[in-house]
Amino acid sequence: MSQPEATLEDQLKKLIVDTLALEDITPESIDTDAPLFGEGLGLDSIDALEIALAIHAKFGVKTEANDPNNRQNYHSIKSLAEFVRNGRSAAAGSQAPAAGPQAPAQA
């Protein structure tokens, strides 16, 4: 019997643990709603940069440096998953096939 596919939240937890080489933390121990920075998991701005690069590499979703929503997007696993889902949807929508060459209009 095959294992069920991991949820995006589970994938993000594993990505964070692996990317940051968190030795004393397992993906399962990360609360989906808990803050990732400060009083929560205790990550810092360097960790945020590493996570952003890993998310871009794995999911193709890019974080803009001056985006005022970054603090909210990276608040928790839950908000990070929503950010990735929205980013994937936006990327899929912007990659619609371009129209082919059009025949010149008849005068």
Protein backbone atom coordinates (compact mmCIF):
# COMPACT_ATOMS: atom_id res chain seq x y z
CA MET A 1 0.00 0.00 0.00
CA SER A 2 1.46 3.38 -0.96
CA GLN A 3 1.78 6.32 1.41
CA PRO A 4 -0.58 9.25 0.89
CA GLU A 5 0.98 12.29 -0.74
CA ALA A 6 2.26 14.82 1.78
CA THR A 7 0.24 18.01 2.13
CA LEU A 8 1.84 21.27 1.12
CA GLU A 9 2.07 22.17 4.80
CA ASP A 10 3.97 18.93 5.50
CA GLN A 11 6.26 19.58 2.53
CA LEU A 12 7.02 23.07 3.85
CA LYS A 13 7.77 21.76 7.34
CA LYS A 14 10.22 19.24 5.90
CA LEU A 15 11.73 21.89 3.61
CA ILE A 16 12.37 24.20 6.59
CA VAL A 17 13.91 21.46 8.73
CA ASP A 18 16.11 20.23 5.86
CA THR A 19 17.09 23.67 4.52
CA LEU A 20 18.04 25.05 7.92
CA ALA A 21 19.49 21.74 9.17
CA LEU A 22 17.40 21.95 12.34
CA GLU A 23 18.80 19.05 14.35
CA ASP A 24 16.51 19.18 17.39
CA ILE A 25 13.28 19.78 15.45
CA THR A 26 11.27 17.33 13.35
CA PRO A 27 8.75 18.40 10.72
CA GLU A 28 6.02 16.73 12.78
CA SER A 29 6.84 18.88 15.81
CA ILE A 30 6.21 22.16 13.96
CA ASP A 31 2.74 23.56 14.68
CA THR A 32 1.09 24.66 11.43
CA ASP A 33 -0.37 27.80 13.05
CA ALA A 34 2.58 28.77 15.29
CA PRO A 35 4.82 31.71 14.40
CA LEU A 36 8.01 30.75 12.59
CA PHE A 37 9.95 33.79 13.81
CA GLY A 38 10.54 35.32 17.22
CA GLU A 39 8.62 33.59 20.00
CA GLY A 40 7.52 30.65 17.81
CA LEU A 41 10.09 28.46 16.10
CA GLY A 42 12.68 31.17 16.76
CA LEU A 43 13.91 31.69 13.20
CA ASP A 44 15.66 34.91 12.13
CA SER A 45 16.04 37.01 8.96
CA ILE A 46 18.89 34.88 7.59
CA ASP A 47 16.67 31.82 8.00
CA ALA A 48 13.90 33.68 6.13
CA LEU A 49 16.25 34.29 3.20
CA GLU A 50 17.28 30.64 3.07
CA ILE A 51 13.64 29.53 3.23
CA ALA A 52 12.67 31.97 0.46
CA LEU A 53 15.42 30.60 -1.80
CA ALA A 54 14.40 27.01 -1.06
CA ILE A 55 10.73 27.75 -1.78
CA HIS A 56 11.66 29.38 -5.07
CA ALA A 57 13.79 26.37 -6.04
CA LYS A 58 11.20 23.75 -5.03
CA PHE A 59 7.90 25.43 -5.88
CA GLY A 60 8.87 28.16 -8.36
CA VAL A 61 7.32 30.87 -6.17
CA LYS A 62 9.49 33.93 -5.73
CA THR A 63 9.49 36.35 -2.83
CA GLU A 64 10.00 40.00 -3.70
CA ALA A 65 12.46 41.76 -1.36
CA ASN A 66 10.29 44.83 -0.74
CA ASP A 67 6.89 43.14 -0.66
CA PRO A 68 5.01 44.57 2.34
CA ASN A 69 3.20 41.19 2.70
CA ASN A 70 6.38 39.18 3.39
CA ARG A 71 5.98 39.36 7.18
CA GLN A 72 2.44 37.97 6.92
CA ASN A 73 3.33 35.44 4.21
CA TYR A 74 6.14 34.00 6.33
CA HIS A 75 4.32 34.19 9.67
CA SER A 76 3.47 30.48 9.97
CA ILE A 77 3.41 27.26 7.97
CA LYS A 78 -0.27 27.93 7.29
CA SER A 79 0.34 31.41 5.84
CA LEU A 80 3.40 30.19 3.95
CA ALA A 81 1.33 27.40 2.34
CA GLU A 82 -1.30 29.93 1.29
CA PHE A 83 1.44 32.15 -0.19
CA VAL A 84 2.84 29.19 -2.19
CA ARG A 85 -0.62 28.13 -3.40
CA ASN A 86 -1.43 31.68 -4.51
CA GLY A 87 1.96 32.05 -6.17
CA ARG A 88 1.54 28.80 -8.07
CA SER A 89 -1.95 29.83 -9.21
CA ALA A 90 -0.70 33.22 -10.39
CA ALA A 91 2.21 31.62 -12.23
CA ALA A 92 -0.08 29.08 -13.89
CA GLY A 93 -2.45 31.84 -14.97
CA SER A 94 0.33 33.97 -16.44
CA GLN A 95 1.71 31.07 -18.46
CA ALA A 96 -1.31 30.72 -20.71
CA PRO A 97 -0.29 29.85 -24.25
CA ALA A 98 0.40 32.88 -26.38
CA ALA A 99 -1.71 33.39 -29.46
CA GLY A 100 -0.02 32.23 -32.63
CA PRO A 101 0.70 34.46 -35.59
CA GLN A 102 -2.38 36.09 -36.95
CA ALA A 103 -3.23 36.37 -40.61
CA PRO A 104 -3.09 39.90 -41.94
CA ALA A 105 -6.46 41.64 -42.12
CA GLN A 106 -8.03 41.70 -45.57
CA ALA A 107 -8.66 45.17 -46.89
